[in-house]
Structures are given as structure tokens and as C-alpha cells.
Protein backbone atom coordinates (compact mmCIF):
# COMPACT_ATOMS: atom_id res chain seq x y z
CA MET A 1 85.27 120.95 120.74
CA ILE A 2 84.36 118.90 117.69
CA TYR A 3 82.87 115.40 117.76
CA LEU A 4 84.08 113.46 114.72
CA GLY A 5 82.12 110.30 115.43
CA SER A 6 83.73 106.91 115.00
CA LEU A 7 86.65 106.48 112.64
CA PRO A 8 87.82 103.22 111.06
CA TYR A 9 91.06 101.99 112.60
CA ASP A 10 92.93 102.24 109.27
CA ASP A 11 91.67 105.76 108.47
CA PRO A 12 94.65 108.20 108.30
CA LEU A 13 92.38 110.79 109.91
CA LEU A 14 92.54 108.82 113.17
CA ALA A 15 96.28 109.38 113.69
CA SER A 16 95.82 112.99 112.66
CA ALA A 17 93.01 113.44 115.19
CA TYR A 18 95.16 112.05 118.00
CA ALA A 19 97.99 114.41 117.05
CA ALA A 20 95.70 117.44 116.77
CA ALA A 21 93.95 116.87 120.10
CA GLY A 22 94.89 119.05 123.04
CA VAL A 23 94.20 116.13 125.40
CA PHE A 24 92.93 112.59 124.87
CA CYS A 25 90.34 111.59 127.49
CA LEU A 26 89.18 108.02 128.18
CA PRO A 27 86.90 108.22 131.25
CA SER A 28 85.36 104.76 130.79
CA GLN A 29 84.17 102.59 133.67
CA SER A 30 86.86 99.98 132.93
CA GLU A 31 89.54 99.14 130.37
CA VAL A 32 91.67 96.03 130.09
CA MET A 33 94.50 97.37 127.93
CA PRO A 34 93.53 100.77 126.53
CA LEU A 35 95.47 100.83 123.26
CA SER A 36 93.90 104.19 122.43
CA VAL A 37 95.95 105.66 125.31
CA LEU A 38 99.15 104.33 123.74
CA GLU A 39 98.07 105.68 120.34
CA ALA A 40 97.42 109.14 121.79
CA LEU A 41 100.81 109.18 123.52
CA ALA A 42 102.50 107.98 120.32
CA ALA A 43 100.95 110.99 118.59
CA GLY A 44 102.42 113.27 121.26
CA THR A 45 99.16 113.98 123.07
CA PRO A 46 98.71 114.01 126.88
CA VAL A 47 96.13 111.62 128.33
CA VAL A 48 93.40 111.59 130.97
CA MET A 49 92.19 108.05 131.60
CA THR A 50 90.13 105.95 133.95
CA LYS A 51 91.80 104.51 137.04
CA ASN A 52 90.07 101.23 136.20
CA HIS A 53 92.61 99.56 133.90
CA CYS A 54 95.50 97.10 134.04
CA MET A 55 98.16 99.09 132.16
CA ASP A 56 101.34 99.99 134.04
CA VAL A 57 101.59 103.78 133.65
CA SER A 58 104.51 104.21 136.06
CA PRO A 59 107.12 104.59 133.27
CA MET A 60 104.94 107.07 131.39
CA PRO A 61 105.24 110.85 131.63
CA LYS A 62 103.27 112.87 134.15
CA PRO A 63 100.80 113.93 131.45
CA VAL A 64 99.03 110.60 131.96
CA ARG A 65 96.41 111.45 134.55
CA GLU A 66 94.23 108.75 136.05
CA ILE A 67 90.76 109.75 137.21
CA GLU A 68 87.65 108.21 138.74
CA PRO A 69 85.30 107.88 135.76
CA ASN A 70 82.27 109.25 137.63
CA ASP A 71 84.05 112.31 139.04
CA GLN A 72 83.24 115.04 136.53
CA GLY A 73 85.14 117.65 138.52
CA ALA A 74 88.32 115.55 138.54
CA ILE A 75 87.96 114.91 134.80
CA ARG A 76 87.51 118.64 134.11
CA GLN A 77 90.48 119.55 136.33
CA ALA A 78 92.77 116.92 134.77
CA ILE A 79 91.92 118.01 131.23
CA SER A 80 92.35 121.70 132.09
CA SER A 81 95.72 121.10 133.74
CA LEU A 82 97.05 119.25 130.68
CA LEU A 83 95.80 121.60 127.97
CA GLY A 84 98.78 123.90 128.41
CA LYS A 85 101.40 121.14 128.44
CA ARG A 86 101.77 120.45 124.72
CA SER A 87 105.41 121.56 124.60
CA ALA A 88 106.83 118.14 125.54
CA ARG A 89 105.25 116.14 122.69
CA GLU A 90 108.45 114.15 122.16
CA THR A 91 108.36 113.06 125.82
CA TYR A 92 104.92 111.53 125.29
CA ARG A 93 106.06 109.80 122.09
CA ASN A 94 109.20 108.41 123.71
CA SER A 95 107.23 107.04 126.66
CA VAL A 96 105.58 104.45 124.40
CA SER A 97 108.33 103.90 121.83
CA GLU A 98 109.04 100.44 123.23
CA PHE A 99 105.56 99.38 122.11
CA SER A 100 106.13 99.95 118.39
CA TRP A 101 105.61 96.96 116.09
CA ASP A 102 109.24 97.25 114.93
CA ARG A 103 110.52 97.14 118.52
CA VAL A 104 108.30 94.21 119.51
CA ALA A 105 109.23 92.29 116.34
CA GLY A 106 112.93 92.95 117.00
CA ASP A 107 112.65 91.73 120.59
CA LEU A 108 110.86 88.57 119.43
CA ALA A 109 113.51 87.93 116.77
CA VAL A 110 116.24 88.07 119.44
CA ILE A 111 114.34 85.61 121.64
CA TYR A 112 113.82 83.21 118.73
CA GLN A 113 117.49 83.44 117.73
CA ARG A 114 118.56 82.62 121.29
CA LEU A 115 116.15 79.69 121.48
CA LEU A 116 117.30 78.34 118.14
CA SER A 117 120.95 78.56 119.11
CA LYS A 118 120.14 76.96 122.50
CA ARG A 119 121.70 79.84 124.42
CA PRO A 120 120.07 80.75 127.72
CA ILE A 121 117.71 83.70 127.56
């Protein structure tokens, strides 16, 4: 295990670190919308995250494991169980593809076009 410290959001090393990780773990006490989870999945990396969040993970692949943040045994078990599951990287990427900026911008453009043409949404 290597601790890199904090990385600026626009540092290319950040995306590389997500992709190189065996598992991304976010065992925080609470998260509103953990974008780092989406970034890890977009890089093809399985995720262990706190149960204390508001993100809908139901459409995401099984390699998103939710844990109690104070349960060290559960965190250890979840990480260990995911370390060997790197073969389905494309599955992780596809699970968050609808959240890309291009996809969101395209969806917004369709909504605006419908509104401008006064067609029902």
C-alpha cells in the first residue's frame, strides 16, 4: 500500500491512481454525493464505501460494497473480497457511463430543444 497524499483535482495522476488501485475505499462517516466513487468506477475500479450516503447504488455492479464506517472487520472483508475481481473493469465503467459530461449535456440539450419547440417532455 502506498499513500500518495492529496492530489489536485486536475492532476492527471489522479485518474491514473484510480485506475491502478485494486479497490477504492471510502469509509467516511457520511457522504452526500460521493463523486470519488463515480470516478473510481469510471476508471474500472471496484468500490467499498460507507452506508451513510444518498447515492442510489442499485443500478451499479456488485463490486460496490457498502459498509458501516466503524466496522473495521467489515471494511477489511469487503476490500479483500473485491481485490480479486478486477477482470470486469468494463462493467464498472459502464455502470456510471450515464454520468459523463457528454451524456448529461446531451440529455439537457434534448430537454431544451423540446421546451423551445413547445413539445411535451
